[in-house]
Amino acid sequence: MTIITKHTLERMILEANEEKKMQIVGRACLALFRRQTEAEKAENDAKMVNNRGFTKGDAREGCLTAKTFIKHGTLQDWQVEQWLTRNVNGVMRIVKYWAQLNEEAQAKMAAKAS
């Protein structure tokens, strides 16, 4: 069952106000951060290519963004903007993780059902 798709995640972000965008980015980074290994979390890096958590190029910013969200419950505007920036293919940086975010949403839904 698909809960989050590339299209629905982008639409959710585009339709959100600034506070909601911050929450979406913060919660998404937190979900991805939790998928990192303990060593990766501690070093703000991606050591393994395992399709879990952040890619090597996003690991530092992703871990720091998640840690900020954990500590403060909010993000700075520039942190949100860096995740909403589009790559050369026109995809928002956070949206490229839609499949992992969908897996996390499915797990959360399954846990609620049991």
PDB file of N, CA and C in Angstrom:
ATOM      1  N   MET A   1       0.843  -1.185   0.000  1.00  0.00           N
ATOM      2  CA  MET A   1       0.000   0.000   0.000  1.00  0.00           C
ATOM      3  C   MET A   1       0.885   1.245   0.000  1.00  0.00           C
ATOM      4  N   THR A   2       0.635   2.127  -0.906  1.00  0.00           N
ATOM      5  CA  THR A   2       1.399   3.361  -0.995  1.00  0.00           C
ATOM      6  C   THR A   2       0.648   4.476  -0.287  1.00  0.00           C
ATOM      7  N   ILE A   3       1.335   5.086   0.660  1.00  0.00           N
ATOM      8  CA  ILE A   3       0.764   6.204   1.410  1.00  0.00           C
ATOM      9  C   ILE A   3       1.342   7.517   0.891  1.00  0.00           C
ATOM     10  N   ILE A   4       2.651   7.506   0.686  1.00  0.00           N
ATOM     11  CA  ILE A   4       3.358   8.694   0.203  1.00  0.00           C
ATOM     12  C   ILE A   4       3.962   8.380  -1.163  1.00  0.00           C
ATOM     13  N   THR A   5       3.687   9.248  -2.112  1.00  0.00           N
ATOM     14  CA  THR A   5       4.329   9.150  -3.422  1.00  0.00           C
ATOM     15  C   THR A   5       5.125  10.429  -3.646  1.00  0.00           C
ATOM     16  N   LYS A   6       5.926  10.405  -4.660  1.00  0.00           N
ATOM     17  CA  LYS A   6       6.688  11.596  -5.026  1.00  0.00           C
ATOM     18  C   LYS A   6       5.730  12.769  -5.258  1.00  0.00           C
ATOM     19  N   HIS A   7       4.669  12.482  -5.979  1.00  0.00           N
ATOM     20  CA  HIS A   7       3.694  13.527  -6.324  1.00  0.00           C
ATOM     21  C   HIS A   7       2.945  14.046  -5.094  1.00  0.00           C
ATOM     22  N   THR A   8       2.467  13.139  -4.236  1.00  0.00           N
ATOM     23  CA  THR A   8       1.694  13.592  -3.072  1.00  0.00           C
ATOM     24  C   THR A   8       2.559  14.349  -2.074  1.00  0.00           C
ATOM     25  N   LEU A   9       3.822  13.939  -1.921  1.00  0.00           N
ATOM     26  CA  LEU A   9       4.712  14.650  -1.009  1.00  0.00           C
ATOM     27  C   LEU A   9       4.987  16.062  -1.513  1.00  0.00           C
ATOM     28  N   GLU A  10       5.265  16.176  -2.798  1.00  0.00           N
ATOM     29  CA  GLU A  10       5.519  17.512  -3.353  1.00  0.00           C
ATOM     30  C   GLU A  10       4.277  18.388  -3.253  1.00  0.00           C
ATOM     31  N   ARG A  11       3.123  17.833  -3.560  1.00  0.00           N
ATOM     32  CA  ARG A  11       1.881  18.608  -3.480  1.00  0.00           C
ATOM     33  C   ARG A  11       1.613  19.058  -2.040  1.00  0.00           C
ATOM     34  N   MET A  12       1.843  18.158  -1.084  1.00  0.00           N
ATOM     35  CA  MET A  12       1.651  18.498   0.327  1.00  0.00           C
ATOM     36  C   MET A  12       2.538  19.685   0.720  1.00  0.00           C
ATOM     37  N   ILE A  13       3.774  19.675   0.265  1.00  0.00           N
ATOM     38  CA  ILE A  13       4.706  20.763   0.576  1.00  0.00           C
ATOM     39  C   ILE A  13       4.266  22.057  -0.090  1.00  0.00           C
ATOM     40  N   LEU A  14       3.924  21.991  -1.357  1.00  0.00           N
ATOM     41  CA  LEU A  14       3.541  23.196  -2.096  1.00  0.00           C
ATOM     42  C   LEU A  14       2.280  23.846  -1.542  1.00  0.00           C
ATOM     43  N   GLU A  15       1.371  23.051  -1.011  1.00  0.00           N
ATOM     44  CA  GLU A  15       0.110  23.576  -0.489  1.00  0.00           C
ATOM     45  C   GLU A  15       0.203  24.018   0.973  1.00  0.00           C
ATOM     46  N   ALA A  16       1.325  23.719   1.627  1.00  0.00           N
ATOM     47  CA  ALA A  16       1.469  24.007   3.056  1.00  0.00           C
ATOM     48  C   ALA A  16       1.891  25.452   3.310  1.00  0.00           C
ATOM     49  N   ASN A  17       1.493  25.957   4.490  1.00  0.00           N
ATOM     50  CA  ASN A  17       2.007  27.255   4.918  1.00  0.00           C
ATOM     51  C   ASN A  17       3.422  27.053   5.458  1.00  0.00           C
ATOM     52  N   GLU A  18       4.084  28.116   5.836  1.00  0.00           N
ATOM     53  CA  GLU A  18       5.493  28.027   6.245  1.00  0.00           C
ATOM     54  C   GLU A  18       5.693  27.125   7.464  1.00  0.00           C
ATOM     55  N   GLU A  19       4.822  27.212   8.436  1.00  0.00           N
ATOM     56  CA  GLU A  19       4.925  26.373   9.642  1.00  0.00           C
ATOM     57  C   GLU A  19       4.773  24.899   9.283  1.00  0.00           C
ATOM     58  N   LYS A  20       3.800  24.596   8.453  1.00  0.00           N
ATOM     59  CA  LYS A  20       3.563  23.211   8.047  1.00  0.00           C
ATOM     60  C   LYS A  20       4.736  22.670   7.224  1.00  0.00           C
ATOM     61  N   LYS A  21       5.313  23.499   6.345  1.00  0.00           N
ATOM     62  CA  LYS A  21       6.484  23.091   5.575  1.00  0.00           C
ATOM     63  C   LYS A  21       7.624  22.715   6.514  1.00  0.00           C
ATOM     64  N   MET A  22       7.817  23.528   7.543  1.00  0.00           N
ATOM     65  CA  MET A  22       8.870  23.253   8.519  1.00  0.00           C
ATOM     66  C   MET A  22       8.615  21.916   9.205  1.00  0.00           C
ATOM     67  N   GLN A  23       7.371  21.644   9.573  1.00  0.00           N
ATOM     68  CA  GLN A  23       7.025  20.381  10.217  1.00  0.00           C
ATOM     69  C   GLN A  23       7.247  19.197   9.274  1.00  0.00           C
ATOM     70  N   ILE A  24       6.865  19.346   8.028  1.00  0.00           N
ATOM     71  CA  ILE A  24       7.043  18.271   7.047  1.00  0.00           C
ATOM     72  C   ILE A  24       8.527  17.951   6.884  1.00  0.00           C
ATOM     73  N   VAL A  25       9.327  18.980   6.680  1.00  0.00           N
ATOM     74  CA  VAL A  25      10.770  18.779   6.496  1.00  0.00           C
ATOM     75  C   VAL A  25      11.397  18.207   7.769  1.00  0.00           C
ATOM     76  N   GLY A  26      11.050  18.762   8.907  1.00  0.00           N
ATOM     77  CA  GLY A  26      11.614  18.281  10.170  1.00  0.00           C
ATOM     78  C   GLY A  26      11.279  16.827  10.444  1.00  0.00           C
ATOM     79  N   ARG A  27      10.025  16.472  10.271  1.00  0.00           N
ATOM     80  CA  ARG A  27       9.601  15.089  10.517  1.00  0.00           C
ATOM     81  C   ARG A  27      10.195  14.127   9.494  1.00  0.00           C
ATOM     82  N   ALA A  28      10.317  14.573   8.247  1.00  0.00           N
ATOM     83  CA  ALA A  28      10.922  13.722   7.215  1.00  0.00           C
ATOM     84  C   ALA A  28      12.402  13.484   7.516  1.00  0.00           C
ATOM     85  N   CYS A  29      13.118  14.543   7.862  1.00  0.00           N
ATOM     86  CA  CYS A  29      14.541  14.386   8.202  1.00  0.00           C
ATOM     87  C   CYS A  29      14.712  13.510   9.434  1.00  0.00           C
ATOM     88  N   LEU A  30      13.829  13.648  10.390  1.00  0.00           N
ATOM     89  CA  LEU A  30      13.889  12.807  11.585  1.00  0.00           C
ATOM     90  C   LEU A  30      13.660  11.339  11.234  1.00  0.00           C
ATOM     91  N   ALA A  31      12.704  11.060  10.382  1.00  0.00           N
ATOM     92  CA  ALA A  31      12.437   9.677   9.950  1.00  0.00           C
ATOM     93  C   ALA A  31      13.640   9.087   9.228  1.00  0.00           C
ATOM     94  N   LEU A  32      14.263   9.878   8.369  1.00  0.00           N
ATOM     95  CA  LEU A  32      15.447   9.409   7.642  1.00  0.00           C
ATOM     96  C   LEU A  32      16.635   9.241   8.579  1.00  0.00           C
ATOM     97  N   PHE A  33      16.788  10.159   9.525  1.00  0.00           N
ATOM     98  CA  PHE A  33      17.864  10.098  10.519  1.00  0.00           C
ATOM     99  C   PHE A  33      17.779   8.799  11.324  1.00  0.00           C
ATOM    100  N   ARG A  34      16.586   8.429  11.694  1.00  0.00           N
ATOM    101  CA  ARG A  34      16.395   7.194  12.469  1.00  0.00           C
ATOM    102  C   ARG A  34      16.800   5.953  11.677  1.00  0.00           C
ATOM    103  N   ARG A  35      16.837   6.048  10.363  1.00  0.00           N
ATOM    104  CA  ARG A  35      17.224   4.924   9.516  1.00  0.00           C
ATOM    105  C   ARG A  35      18.748   4.827   9.345  1.00  0.00           C
ATOM    106  N   GLN A  36      19.468   5.867   9.750  1.00  0.00           N
ATOM    107  CA  GLN A  36      20.926   5.840   9.686  1.00  0.00           C
ATOM    108  C   GLN A  36      21.464   4.859  10.743  1.00  0.00           C
ATOM    109  N   THR A  37      22.665   4.347  10.524  1.00  0.00           N
ATOM    110  CA  THR A  37      23.302   3.518  11.550  1.00  0.00           C
ATOM    111  C   THR A  37      23.723   4.426  12.706  1.00  0.00           C
ATOM    112  N   GLU A  38      24.002   3.833  13.852  1.00  0.00           N
ATOM    113  CA  GLU A  38      24.427   4.632  15.011  1.00  0.00           C
ATOM    114  C   GLU A  38      25.717   5.397  14.704  1.00  0.00           C
ATOM    115  N   ALA A  39      26.641   4.766  14.018  1.00  0.00           N
ATOM    116  CA  ALA A  39      27.899   5.437  13.659  1.00  0.00           C
ATOM    117  C   ALA A  39      27.631   6.617  12.728  1.00  0.00           C
ATOM    118  N   GLU A  40      26.741   6.434  11.767  1.00  0.00           N
ATOM    119  CA  GLU A  40      26.407   7.513  10.843  1.00  0.00           C
ATOM    120  C   GLU A  40      25.759   8.677  11.578  1.00  0.00           C
ATOM    121  N   LYS A  41      24.895   8.369  12.525  1.00  0.00           N
ATOM    122  CA  LYS A  41      24.249   9.426  13.316  1.00  0.00           C
ATOM    123  C   LYS A  41      25.291  10.217  14.104  1.00  0.00           C
ATOM    124  N   ALA A  42      26.203   9.507  14.724  1.00  0.00           N
ATOM    125  CA  ALA A  42      27.220  10.152  15.559  1.00  0.00           C
ATOM    126  C   ALA A  42      28.170  11.014  14.735  1.00  0.00           C
ATOM    127  N   GLU A  43      28.473  10.576  13.520  1.00  0.00           N
ATOM    128  CA  GLU A  43      29.445  11.272  12.676  1.00  0.00           C
ATOM    129  C   GLU A  43      28.810  12.190  11.637  1.00  0.00           C
ATOM    130  N   ASN A  44      27.482  12.268  11.610  1.00  0.00           N
ATOM    131  CA  ASN A  44      26.779  13.090  10.610  1.00  0.00           C
ATOM    132  C   ASN A  44      27.246  12.734   9.201  1.00  0.00           C
ATOM    133  N   ASP A  45      27.261  11.448   8.914  1.00  0.00           N
ATOM    134  CA  ASP A  45      27.798  10.959   7.652  1.00  0.00           C
ATOM    135  C   ASP A  45      27.004   9.747   7.193  1.00  0.00           C
ATOM    136  N   ALA A  46      27.204   9.347   5.967  1.00  0.00           N
ATOM    137  CA  ALA A  46      26.627   8.108   5.438  1.00  0.00           C
ATOM    138  C   ALA A  46      27.794   7.233   5.022  1.00  0.00           C
ATOM    139  N   LYS A  47      27.980   6.152   5.726  1.00  0.00           N
ATOM    140  CA  LYS A  47      29.114   5.255   5.467  1.00  0.00           C
ATOM    141  C   LYS A  47      28.726   4.109   4.547  1.00  0.00           C
ATOM    142  N   MET A  48      27.487   3.683   4.630  1.00  0.00           N
ATOM    143  CA  MET A  48      27.033   2.514   3.896  1.00  0.00           C
ATOM    144  C   MET A  48      26.087   2.913   2.766  1.00  0.00           C
ATOM    145  N   VAL A  49      26.174   2.226   1.662  1.00  0.00           N
ATOM    146  CA  VAL A  49      25.210   2.411   0.580  1.00  0.00           C
ATOM    147  C   VAL A  49      24.190   1.289   0.755  1.00  0.00           C
ATOM    148  N   ASN A  50      23.126   1.596   1.499  1.00  0.00           N
ATOM    149  CA  ASN A  50      22.138   0.574   1.849  1.00  0.00           C
ATOM    150  C   ASN A  50      20.702   1.033   1.603  1.00  0.00           C
ATOM    151  N   ASN A  51      20.553   2.167   0.923  1.00  0.00           N
ATOM    152  CA  ASN A  51      19.220   2.723   0.649  1.00  0.00           C
ATOM    153  C   ASN A  51      18.415   2.955   1.916  1.00  0.00           C
ATOM    154  N   ARG A  52      19.116   3.274   2.991  1.00  0.00           N
ATOM    155  CA  ARG A  52      18.475   3.588   4.263  1.00  0.00           C
ATOM    156  C   ARG A  52      19.031   4.911   4.771  1.00  0.00           C
ATOM    157  N   GLY A  53      18.142   5.818   5.068  1.00  0.00           N
ATOM    158  CA  GLY A  53      18.583   7.117   5.564  1.00  0.00           C
ATOM    159  C   GLY A  53      19.055   8.015   4.433  1.00  0.00           C
ATOM    160  N   PHE A  54      19.927   8.932   4.786  1.00  0.00           N
ATOM    161  CA  PHE A  54      20.401   9.941   3.836  1.00  0.00           C
ATOM    162  C   PHE A  54      21.477   9.388   2.900  1.00  0.00           C
ATOM    163  N   THR A  55      21.551   9.976   1.721  1.00  0.00           N
ATOM    164  CA  THR A  55      22.648   9.666   0.811  1.00  0.00           C
ATOM    165  C   THR A  55      23.904  10.361   1.331  1.00  0.00           C
ATOM    166  N   LYS A  56      25.033   9.961   0.814  1.00  0.00           N
ATOM    167  CA  LYS A  56      26.310  10.549   1.230  1.00  0.00           C
ATOM    168  C   LYS A  56      26.284  12.072   1.098  1.00  0.00           C
ATOM    169  N   GLY A  57      25.756  12.569  -0.003  1.00  0.00           N
ATOM    170  CA  GLY A  57      25.725  14.007  -0.245  1.00  0.00           C
ATOM    171  C   GLY A  57      24.808  14.785   0.687  1.00  0.00           C
ATOM    172  N   ASP A  58      23.829  14.131   1.260  1.00  0.00           N
ATOM    173  CA  ASP A  58      22.867  14.804   2.142  1.00  0.00           C
ATOM    174  C   ASP A  58      23.065  14.477   3.619  1.00  0.00           C
ATOM    175  N   ALA A  59      23.950  13.551   3.923  1.00  0.00           N
ATOM    176  CA  ALA A  59      24.042  13.031   5.288  1.00  0.00           C
ATOM    177  C   ALA A  59      24.367  14.102   6.328  1.00  0.00           C
ATOM    178  N   ARG A  60      25.357  14.927   6.062  1.00  0.00           N
ATOM    179  CA  ARG A  60      25.736  15.933   7.062  1.00  0.00           C
ATOM    180  C   ARG A  60      24.572  16.882   7.356  1.00  0.00           C
ATOM    181  N   GLU A  61      24.024  17.490   6.303  1.00  0.00           N
ATOM    182  CA  GLU A  61      22.922  18.434   6.499  1.00  0.00           C
ATOM    183  C   GLU A  61      21.688  17.738   7.061  1.00  0.00           C
ATOM    184  N   GLY A  62      21.441  16.509   6.609  1.00  0.00           N
ATOM    185  CA  GLY A  62      20.279  15.775   7.092  1.00  0.00           C
ATOM    186  C   GLY A  62      20.363  15.450   8.572  1.00  0.00           C
ATOM    187  N   CYS A  63      21.518  14.957   8.993  1.00  0.00           N
ATOM    188  CA  CYS A  63      21.705  14.630  10.412  1.00  0.00           C
ATOM    189  C   CYS A  63      21.612  15.884  11.275  1.00  0.00           C
ATOM    190  N   LEU A  64      22.252  16.963  10.834  1.00  0.00           N
ATOM    191  CA  LEU A  64      22.205  18.210  11.612  1.00  0.00           C
ATOM    192  C   LEU A  64      20.792  18.795  11.647  1.00  0.00           C
ATOM    193  N   THR A  65      20.071  18.698  10.541  1.00  0.00           N
ATOM    194  CA  THR A  65      18.688  19.182  10.517  1.00  0.00           C
ATOM    195  C   THR A  65      17.832  18.368  11.479  1.00  0.00           C
ATOM    196  N   ALA A  66      17.972  17.046  11.446  1.00  0.00           N
ATOM    197  CA  ALA A  66      17.201  16.187  12.349  1.00  0.00           C
ATOM    198  C   ALA A  66      17.548  16.465  13.809  1.00  0.00           C
ATOM    199  N   LYS A  67      18.818  16.633  14.099  1.00  0.00           N
ATOM    200  CA  LYS A  67      19.238  16.908  15.482  1.00  0.00           C
ATOM    201  C   LYS A  67      18.693  18.250  15.971  1.00  0.00           C
ATOM    202  N   THR A  68      18.651  19.242  15.086  1.00  0.00           N
ATOM    203  CA  THR A  68      18.061  20.538  15.434  1.00  0.00           C
ATOM    204  C   THR A  68      16.577  20.367  15.728  1.00  0.00           C
ATOM    205  N   PHE A  69      15.896  19.594  14.902  1.00  0.00           N
ATOM    206  CA  PHE A  69      14.458  19.376  15.083  1.00  0.00           C
ATOM    207  C   PHE A  69      14.188  18.624  16.386  1.00  0.00           C
ATOM    208  N   ILE A  70      15.028  17.653  16.715  1.00  0.00           N
ATOM    209  CA  ILE A  70      14.878  16.914  17.980  1.00  0.00           C
ATOM    210  C   ILE A  70      15.060  17.861  19.156  1.00  0.00           C
ATOM    211  N   LYS A  71      16.094  18.679  19.106  1.00  0.00           N
ATOM    212  CA  LYS A  71      16.437  19.555  20.233  1.00  0.00           C
ATOM    213  C   LYS A  71      15.464  20.711  20.423  1.00  0.00           C
ATOM    214  N   HIS A  72      15.060  21.328  19.310  1.00  0.00           N
ATOM    215  CA  HIS A  72      14.263  22.555  19.401  1.00  0.00           C
ATOM    216  C   HIS A  72      12.810  22.407  18.961  1.00  0.00           C
ATOM    217  N   GLY A  73      12.491  21.326  18.253  1.00  0.00           N
ATOM    218  CA  GLY A  73      11.125  21.145  17.760  1.00  0.00           C
ATOM    219  C   GLY A  73      10.780  22.072  16.616  1.00  0.00           C
ATOM    220  N   THR A  74      11.786  22.727  16.076  1.00  0.00           N
ATOM    221  CA  THR A  74      11.588  23.672  14.980  1.00  0.00           C
ATOM    222  C   THR A  74      12.865  23.728  14.150  1.00  0.00           C
ATOM    223  N   LEU A  75      12.788  24.389  13.013  1.00  0.00           N
ATOM    224  CA  LEU A  75      13.941  24.571  12.137  1.00  0.00           C
ATOM    225  C   LEU A  75      14.024  26.034  11.724  1.00  0.00           C
ATOM    226  N   GLN A  76      15.213  26.455  11.353  1.00  0.00           N
ATOM    227  CA  GLN A  76      15.401  27.790  10.802  1.00  0.00           C
ATOM    228  C   GLN A  76      14.885  27.790   9.361  1.00  0.00           C
ATOM    229  N   ASP A  77      14.475  28.951   8.873  1.00  0.00           N
ATOM    230  CA  ASP A  77      13.970  29.058   7.500  1.00  0.00           C
ATOM    231  C   ASP A  77      14.978  28.526   6.480  1.00  0.00           C
ATOM    232  N   TRP A  78      16.254  28.824   6.663  1.00  0.00           N
ATOM    233  CA  TRP A  78      17.272  28.391   5.705  1.00  0.00           C
ATOM    234  C   TRP A  78      17.403  26.869   5.682  1.00  0.00           C
ATOM    235  N   GLN A  79      17.157  26.227   6.833  1.00  0.00           N
ATOM    236  CA  GLN A  79      17.222  24.768   6.863  1.00  0.00           C
ATOM    237  C   GLN A  79      16.081  24.169   6.033  1.00  0.00           C
ATOM    238  N   VAL A  80      14.908  24.740   6.176  1.00  0.00           N
ATOM    239  CA  VAL A  80      13.757  24.269   5.404  1.00  0.00           C
ATOM    240  C   VAL A  80      14.028  24.495   3.914  1.00  0.00           C
ATOM    241  N   GLU A  81      14.493  25.680   3.573  1.00  0.00           N
ATOM    242  CA  GLU A  81      14.740  26.016   2.166  1.00  0.00           C
ATOM    243  C   GLU A  81      15.760  25.085   1.518  1.00  0.00           C
ATOM    244  N   GLN A  82      16.787  24.681   2.265  1.00  0.00           N
ATOM    245  CA  GLN A  82      17.787  23.797   1.652  1.00  0.00           C
ATOM    246  C   GLN A  82      17.184  22.456   1.267  1.00  0.00           C
ATOM    247  N   TRP A  83      16.144  22.013   1.975  1.00  0.00           N
ATOM    248  CA  TRP A  83      15.493  20.739   1.646  1.00  0.00           C
ATOM    249  C   TRP A  83      14.415  20.891   0.583  1.00  0.00           C
ATOM    250  N   LEU A  84      13.989  22.117   0.335  1.00  0.00           N
ATOM    251  CA  LEU A  84      12.981  22.358  -0.692  1.00  0.00           C
ATOM    252  C   LEU A  84      13.602  22.795  -2.019  1.00  0.00           C
ATOM    253  N   THR A  85      14.912  22.990  -2.028  1.00  0.00           N
ATOM    254  CA  THR A  85      15.626  23.346  -3.253  1.00  0.00           C
ATOM    255  C   THR A  85      15.521  22.192  -4.244  1.00  0.00           C
ATOM    256  N   ARG A  86      15.329  22.535  -5.494  1.00  0.00           N
ATOM    257  CA  ARG A  86      15.186  21.510  -6.536  1.00  0.00           C
ATOM    258  C   ARG A  86      16.547  21.162  -7.146  1.00  0.00           C
ATOM    259  N   ASN A  87      16.711  19.884  -7.464  1.00  0.00           N
ATOM    260  CA  ASN A  87      17.946  19.440  -8.111  1.00  0.00           C
ATOM    261  C   ASN A  87      17.852  19.681  -9.620  1.00  0.00           C
ATOM    262  N   VAL A  88      18.846  19.224 -10.356  1.00  0.00           N
ATOM    263  CA  VAL A  88      18.869  19.458 -11.809  1.00  0.00           C
ATOM    264  C   VAL A  88      17.698  18.797 -12.522  1.00  0.00           C
ATOM    265  N   ASN A  89      17.103  17.793 -11.896  1.00  0.00           N
ATOM    266  CA  ASN A  89      15.932  17.118 -12.475  1.00  0.00           C
ATOM    267  C   ASN A  89      14.617  17.765 -12.047  1.00  0.00           C
ATOM    268  N   GLY A  90      14.706  18.829 -11.251  1.00  0.00           N
ATOM    269  CA  GLY A  90      13.511  19.535 -10.808  1.00  0.00           C
ATOM    270  C   GLY A  90      12.829  18.925  -9.597  1.00  0.00           C
ATOM    271  N   VAL A  91      13.508  17.998  -8.915  1.00  0.00           N
ATOM    272  CA  VAL A  91      12.932  17.320  -7.751  1.00  0.00           C
ATOM    273  C   VAL A  91      13.442  17.987  -6.472  1.00  0.00           C
ATOM    274  N   MET A  92      12.538  18.304  -5.562  1.00  0.00           N
ATOM    275  CA  MET A  92      12.945  18.868  -4.284  1.00  0.00           C
ATOM    276  C   MET A  92      13.859  17.877  -3.564  1.00  0.00           C
ATOM    277  N   ARG A  93      14.835  18.404  -2.884  1.00  0.00           N
ATOM    278  CA  ARG A  93      15.830  17.569  -2.202  1.00  0.00           C
ATOM    279  C   ARG A  93      15.176  16.559  -1.264  1.00  0.00           C
ATOM    280  N   ILE A  94      14.185  16.958  -0.490  1.00  0.00           N
ATOM    281  CA  ILE A  94      13.535  16.042   0.457  1.00  0.00           C
ATOM    282  C   ILE A  94      12.642  15.044  -0.270  1.00  0.00           C
ATOM    283  N   VAL A  95      12.090  15.428  -1.402  1.00  0.00           N
ATOM    284  CA  VAL A  95      11.152  14.570  -2.129  1.00  0.00           C
ATOM    285  C   VAL A  95      11.850  13.345  -2.716  1.00  0.00           C
ATOM    286  N   LYS A  96      13.134  13.430  -2.970  1.00  0.00           N
ATOM    287  CA  LYS A  96      13.833  12.267  -3.520  1.00  0.00           C
ATOM    288  C   LYS A  96      13.816  11.082  -2.557  1.00  0.00           C
ATOM    289  N   TYR A  97      13.475  11.328  -1.302  1.00  0.00           N
ATOM    290  CA  TYR A  97      13.402  10.273  -0.285  1.00  0.00           C
ATOM    291  C   TYR A  97      11.985   9.728  -0.090  1.00  0.00           C
ATOM    292  N   TRP A  98      11.095  10.007  -1.026  1.00  0.00           N
ATOM    293  CA  TRP A  98       9.688   9.642  -0.861  1.00  0.00           C
ATOM    294  C   TRP A  98       9.486   8.155  -0.584  1.00  0.00           C
ATOM    295  N   ALA A  99      10.246   7.279  -1.211  1.00  0.00           N
ATOM    296  CA  ALA A  99      10.041   5.834  -1.029  1.00  0.00           C
ATOM    297  C   ALA A  99      10.362   5.410   0.403  1.00  0.00           C
ATOM    298  N   GLN A 100      11.452   5.937   0.954  1.00  0.00           N
ATOM    299  CA  GLN A 100      11.779   5.622   2.343  1.00  0.00           C
ATOM    300  C   GLN A 100      10.737   6.205   3.298  1.00  0.00           C
ATOM    301  N   LEU A 101      10.276   7.407   2.994  1.00  0.00           N
ATOM    302  CA  LEU A 101       9.249   8.028   3.835  1.00  0.00           C
ATOM    303  C   LEU A 101       7.945   7.238   3.753  1.00  0.00           C
ATOM    304  N   ASN A 102       7.661   6.676   2.587  1.00  0.00           N
ATOM    305  CA  ASN A 102       6.490   5.821   2.454  1.00  0.00           C
ATOM    306  C   ASN A 102       6.631   4.566   3.314  1.00  0.00           C
ATOM    307  N   GLU A 103       7.818   3.962   3.313  1.00  0.00           N
ATOM    308  CA  GLU A 103       8.057   2.785   4.161  1.00  0.00           C
ATOM    309  C   GLU A 103       7.831   3.122   5.634  1.00  0.00           C
ATOM    310  N   GLU A 104       8.304   4.279   6.052  1.00  0.00           N
ATOM    311  CA  GLU A 104       8.126   4.701   7.446  1.00  0.00           C
ATOM    312  C   GLU A 104       6.645   4.938   7.761  1.00  0.00           C
ATOM    313  N   ALA A 105       5.929   5.534   6.831  1.00  0.00           N
ATOM    314  CA  ALA A 105       4.490   5.772   7.024  1.00  0.00           C
ATOM    315  C   ALA A 105       3.732   4.453   7.102  1.00  0.00           C
ATOM    316  N   GLN A 106       4.100   3.489   6.264  1.00  0.00           N
ATOM    317  CA  GLN A 106       3.458   2.169   6.302  1.00  0.00           C
ATOM    318  C   GLN A 106       3.716   1.476   7.640  1.00  0.00           C
ATOM    319  N   ALA A 107       4.951   1.552   8.134  1.00  0.00           N
ATOM    320  CA  ALA A 107       5.287   0.929   9.416  1.00  0.00           C
ATOM    321  C   ALA A 107       4.508   1.581  10.555  1.00  0.00           C
ATOM    322  N   LYS A 108       4.380   2.893  10.507  1.00  0.00           N
ATOM    323  CA  LYS A 108       3.639   3.615  11.536  1.00  0.00           C
ATOM    324  C   LYS A 108       2.161   3.232  11.508  1.00  0.00           C
ATOM    325  N   MET A 109       1.609   3.104  10.307  1.00  0.00           N
ATOM    326  CA  MET A 109       0.206   2.720  10.163  1.00  0.00           C
ATOM    327  C   MET A 109      -0.017   1.281  10.651  1.00  0.00           C
ATOM    328  N   ALA A 110       0.912   0.383  10.341  1.00  0.00           N
ATOM    329  CA  ALA A 110       0.805  -1.000  10.791  1.00  0.00           C
ATOM    330  C   ALA A 110       0.893  -1.108  12.310  1.00  0.00           C
ATOM    331  N   ALA A 111       1.745  -0.285  12.909  1.00  0.00           N
ATOM    332  CA  ALA A 111       1.896  -0.301  14.372  1.00  0.00           C
ATOM    333  C   ALA A 111       0.613   0.195  15.048  1.00  0.00           C
ATOM    334  N   LYS A 112      -0.031   1.188  14.466  1.00  0.00           N
ATOM    335  CA  LYS A 112      -1.288   1.695  15.006  1.00  0.00           C
ATOM    336  C   LYS A 112      -2.402   0.654  14.908  1.00  0.00           C
ATOM    337  N   ALA A 113      -2.395  -0.134  13.832  1.00  0.00           N
ATOM    338  CA  ALA A 113      -3.438  -1.127  13.595  1.00  0.00           C
ATOM    339  C   ALA A 113      -3.327  -2.327  14.541  1.00  0.00           C
ATOM    340  N   SER A 114      -2.120  -2.567  15.038  1.00  0.00           N
ATOM    341  CA  SER A 114      -1.962  -3.753  15.906  1.00  0.00           C
ATOM    342  C   SER A 114      -2.070  -3.444  17.378  1.00  0.00           C
TER     343      SER A 114
END
